[in-house]
Protein backbone atom coordinates (compact mmCIF):
# COMPACT_ATOMS: atom_id res chain seq x y z
CA MET A 1 78.84 94.87 141.23
CA LYS A 2 77.28 98.21 139.60
CA MET A 3 79.57 99.38 136.41
CA VAL A 4 80.21 102.84 137.30
CA LYS A 5 82.40 103.71 134.58
CA GLU A 6 83.91 101.42 131.41
CA GLY A 7 87.36 102.24 130.73
CA LYS A 8 90.48 102.58 128.01
CA THR A 9 91.97 99.20 129.88
CA LYS A 10 90.38 99.46 133.17
CA ASP A 11 86.25 99.20 133.84
CA VAL A 12 85.25 100.22 137.17
CA TYR A 13 82.61 98.74 139.26
CA GLU A 14 81.19 99.77 142.75
CA LEU A 15 80.77 97.07 145.30
CA GLU A 16 78.30 96.78 147.90
CA ASP A 17 80.19 97.73 150.74
CA GLY A 18 81.57 100.68 149.52
CA ASN A 19 84.67 100.33 148.47
CA TYR A 20 85.42 99.76 144.41
CA LEU A 21 86.40 96.75 142.43
CA LEU A 22 88.73 97.56 139.29
CA LYS A 23 88.79 94.96 136.28
CA PHE A 24 91.78 95.33 134.21
CA LYS A 25 92.08 94.43 130.51
CA ASP A 26 93.79 93.22 127.93
CA ASP A 27 94.05 96.56 125.98
CA VAL A 28 96.68 99.12 126.05
CA THR A 29 97.31 102.51 125.05
CA GLY A 30 98.81 103.13 121.44
CA THR A 31 98.91 104.59 118.52
CA ASP A 32 98.96 102.88 115.14
CA GLY A 33 99.48 99.38 116.99
CA VAL A 34 102.77 100.35 118.86
CA PHE A 35 102.65 100.94 122.56
CA ASP A 36 102.98 104.66 124.07
CA PRO A 37 101.76 105.25 128.15
CA GLY A 38 101.55 108.98 127.19
CA ALA A 39 98.42 108.21 124.36
CA ASN A 40 94.71 108.52 125.03
CA THR A 41 93.71 106.15 122.57
CA VAL A 42 93.69 102.42 122.91
CA GLY A 43 96.02 101.43 119.93
CA LEU A 44 96.74 97.27 121.07
CA THR A 45 95.59 94.35 122.53
CA ILE A 46 98.12 92.56 124.75
CA GLU A 47 96.84 88.86 125.60
CA GLY A 48 97.17 88.74 129.29
CA MET A 49 98.25 91.90 129.80
CA GLY A 50 95.57 92.44 132.36
CA SER A 51 96.40 89.67 134.99
CA GLY A 52 99.94 90.74 134.29
CA GLY A 53 99.43 94.60 134.45
CA LEU A 54 97.83 93.52 138.34
CA ARG A 55 100.66 91.79 139.12
CA LEU A 56 102.62 94.41 138.50
CA THR A 57 100.21 96.66 140.29
CA GLU A 58 100.08 94.57 143.63
CA PHE A 59 103.49 94.08 144.04
CA PHE A 60 104.39 97.79 143.41
CA PHE A 61 101.34 98.80 145.50
CA LYS A 62 102.71 97.42 148.52
CA LYS A 63 106.75 98.30 148.40
CA ILE A 64 105.39 101.43 148.41
CA ASN A 65 102.65 101.32 151.54
CA GLU A 66 106.06 99.56 153.14
CA ALA A 67 107.58 102.51 152.69
CA GLY A 68 105.57 104.72 154.20
CA PHE A 69 103.24 106.23 151.42
CA PRO A 70 99.60 105.46 151.31
CA THR A 71 97.67 104.06 148.25
CA HIS A 72 94.06 103.54 147.65
CA PHE A 73 95.02 99.26 147.31
CA VAL A 74 93.09 97.30 149.48
CA SER A 75 93.50 93.32 147.77
CA ALA A 76 93.50 92.07 144.33
CA ASP A 77 92.86 88.79 142.83
CA VAL A 78 94.92 88.53 140.19
CA ASP A 79 93.61 85.31 138.24
CA LYS A 80 90.24 87.21 137.32
CA ALA A 81 92.76 90.56 137.10
CA GLU A 82 90.22 92.44 139.71
CA MET A 83 91.58 95.04 142.42
CA THR A 84 89.60 96.49 145.17
CA ILE A 85 89.91 99.73 145.89
CA ARG A 86 89.24 102.49 149.02
CA PRO A 87 86.56 105.84 147.25
CA ALA A 88 89.08 107.85 146.10
CA VAL A 89 88.23 111.61 145.15
CA VAL A 90 89.91 112.60 142.17
CA PHE A 91 91.09 116.44 141.55
CA GLY A 92 89.02 117.84 138.72
CA ASP A 93 88.67 115.41 136.41
CA GLY A 94 91.06 113.62 136.34
CA LEU A 95 95.24 114.69 136.50
CA GLU A 96 98.22 112.73 135.40
CA VAL A 97 101.34 113.32 137.04
CA VAL A 98 104.33 111.95 134.73
CA CYS A 99 108.08 112.17 136.49
CA ARG A 100 110.27 112.18 133.83
CA TYR A 101 114.59 110.33 134.21
CA ARG A 102 114.46 110.77 130.30
CA SER A 103 113.85 112.63 127.11
CA VAL A 104 111.47 110.02 125.20
CA GLY A 105 108.16 110.62 124.21
CA SER A 106 105.52 113.70 123.93
CA PHE A 107 108.55 115.49 126.12
CA LEU A 108 110.91 115.12 123.40
CA ARG A 109 108.30 115.66 120.81
CA ARG A 110 107.63 119.20 122.07
CA TYR A 111 111.12 119.83 123.76
CA GLY A 112 113.28 118.48 121.09
CA GLY A 113 114.51 121.33 119.66
CA TYR A 114 116.41 121.60 122.80
CA VAL A 115 116.52 118.12 124.21
CA ASP A 116 118.10 115.04 122.64
CA GLU A 117 116.42 111.86 122.51
CA GLY A 118 116.84 110.24 126.17
CA GLN A 119 119.16 113.32 127.51
CA PRO A 120 119.03 112.60 131.41
CA LEU A 121 115.81 114.46 133.14
CA ASP A 122 116.32 114.90 136.85
CA ALA A 123 112.71 113.56 137.66
CA LEU A 124 110.98 116.60 136.06
CA ILE A 125 107.47 116.13 137.22
CA GLU A 126 105.07 117.27 134.43
CA VAL A 127 100.82 117.36 134.87
CA THR A 128 97.99 116.65 132.83
CA LEU A 129 94.45 116.92 132.95
CA LYS A 130 92.79 113.78 132.05
CA ASP A 131 90.57 115.34 128.96
CA ASP A 132 90.70 112.75 125.24
CA ALA A 133 88.80 115.99 123.92
CA ARG A 134 91.84 118.12 124.06
CA ASP A 135 94.54 115.73 124.54
CA ASP A 136 94.98 115.91 127.78
CA PRO A 137 96.31 119.24 127.96
CA LEU A 138 99.56 120.03 130.33
CA ILE A 139 98.81 121.88 132.82
CA THR A 140 101.29 124.49 135.60
CA ARG A 141 101.14 124.65 139.30
CA ASP A 142 99.56 128.62 139.31
CA THR A 143 96.77 127.18 136.41
CA LEU A 144 95.94 124.17 139.03
CA ASP A 145 95.29 126.41 141.65
CA MET A 146 93.61 129.27 139.81
CA LEU A 147 91.42 126.61 138.48
CA CYS A 148 90.59 125.83 142.05
CA ILE A 149 91.98 122.51 140.65
CA LEU A 150 94.61 121.87 143.72
CA SER A 151 96.54 124.40 145.87
CA GLU A 152 99.58 125.19 145.24
CA GLN A 153 100.32 123.49 148.79
CA GLU A 154 98.79 120.55 147.33
CA TYR A 155 100.59 120.53 143.64
CA ASP A 156 103.58 120.67 146.19
CA VAL A 157 102.29 117.39 148.30
CA LEU A 158 101.51 115.87 144.73
CA LYS A 159 105.42 116.99 143.67
CA TYR A 160 107.04 115.43 146.60
CA LEU A 161 104.69 112.16 146.82
CA ALA A 162 105.21 111.62 142.42
CA LYS A 163 109.24 112.46 143.28
CA GLU A 164 109.80 109.66 146.24
CA ILE A 165 107.07 106.98 144.70
CA SER A 166 108.26 107.05 141.38
CA LYS A 167 112.19 107.03 142.48
CA ILE A 168 111.06 103.52 144.39
CA ILE A 169 109.91 102.30 141.40
CA LYS A 170 113.14 103.46 139.53
CA ASN A 171 115.37 101.61 142.38
CA ILE A 172 113.52 98.34 142.23
CA LEU A 173 113.73 98.06 137.99
CA ALA A 174 117.36 99.02 138.59
CA ALA A 175 118.05 96.10 140.47
CA LYS A 176 116.95 94.02 137.80
CA GLY A 177 119.43 95.56 135.58
CA MET A 178 116.40 97.52 134.26
CA GLU A 179 116.81 101.76 133.38
CA LEU A 180 113.04 103.76 133.91
CA TYR A 181 112.93 106.43 131.46
CA ASP A 182 109.15 107.62 132.77
CA ILE A 183 106.15 107.57 134.18
CA LYS A 184 102.52 108.05 134.42
CA LEU A 185 101.36 108.31 137.91
CA GLU A 186 97.86 109.14 139.42
CA PHE A 187 96.32 111.01 142.75
CA GLY A 188 93.77 111.76 144.26
CA ARG A 189 91.85 112.24 147.92
CA VAL A 190 90.44 109.26 150.26
CA ASP A 191 89.41 110.32 153.49
CA GLY A 192 90.82 113.63 153.07
CA ALA A 193 94.28 113.21 152.37
CA ILE A 194 96.27 113.07 148.90
CA VAL A 195 97.16 109.09 148.24
CA LEU A 196 98.52 107.05 144.90
CA ILE A 197 95.61 106.09 142.97
CA ASP A 198 94.97 103.35 139.45
CA GLU A 199 97.41 101.48 138.96
CA ILE A 200 101.41 100.95 138.15
CA SER A 201 101.87 98.78 134.49
CA GLY A 202 103.71 98.54 132.52
CA GLY A 203 101.17 100.05 130.40
CA ASN A 204 102.26 103.63 132.09
CA MET A 205 105.73 103.23 132.24
CA ARG A 206 108.45 102.91 129.59
CA VAL A 207 110.99 101.47 130.62
CA TYR A 208 115.22 99.85 128.85
CA LYS A 209 116.99 97.21 129.34
CA ASP A 210 120.18 96.97 127.61
CA GLY A 211 119.43 100.05 125.67
CA ALA A 212 116.05 98.12 124.58
CA ILE A 213 112.40 99.37 125.61
CA VAL A 214 110.77 96.87 127.36
CA ASP A 215 107.38 95.36 126.23
CA PRO A 216 105.35 95.93 128.82
CA LEU A 217 104.89 92.06 129.78
CA ASP A 218 108.16 91.33 129.39
CA LEU A 219 109.07 93.09 132.16
CA VAL A 220 106.31 91.71 134.42
CA LYS A 221 108.37 88.69 133.76
CA LEU A 222 111.74 90.39 134.62
CA LEU A 223 111.02 91.75 137.46
CA LEU A 224 108.42 89.11 138.90
CA ASP A 225 109.18 85.35 137.49
């Protein structure tokens, strides 16, 4: 295998058959040792997070595929914390799509003058550029089109997919007595179609149960064990 990217929470390798392999790490994003799925720096290391994150990712990707929404998922080896994926072309240098159901995190920091903490939001979609040097800036539909990163029509597809996929995840969590506050998704093109890529784990969502945030590893146990 040839390493093509060393990431914060995953490393990416190119396989001989043209597919890619994601190697999940135990690192999660955050600041000053506090977990934050919206942060762009590694904040802490949680033992077992890599394999736990892959268990959730495999579970959710299969559910999403069953619902008729395409992903880049091929297979997973939980013991090795490795996932095989189809090659995807990202938009620009990468986009992150956040679906928000409650006002927390960076949303509350930005708009705290207009909303209360935990205030319900109606599956609000925000898109940011993956750009650590510029602190992952928000970008609008018009700007994406103007900069030739994503056409207006493609943005509408992206928004639709993000809402529908987030709804699937939200309903699965609700069936276990948990509430999804927000989730970060990534999309790319596979064979010309816009599909879900990257991962879906406790490291890229905020989930609450009985009024308290659920630790990423506890989420694995509550949902799958």
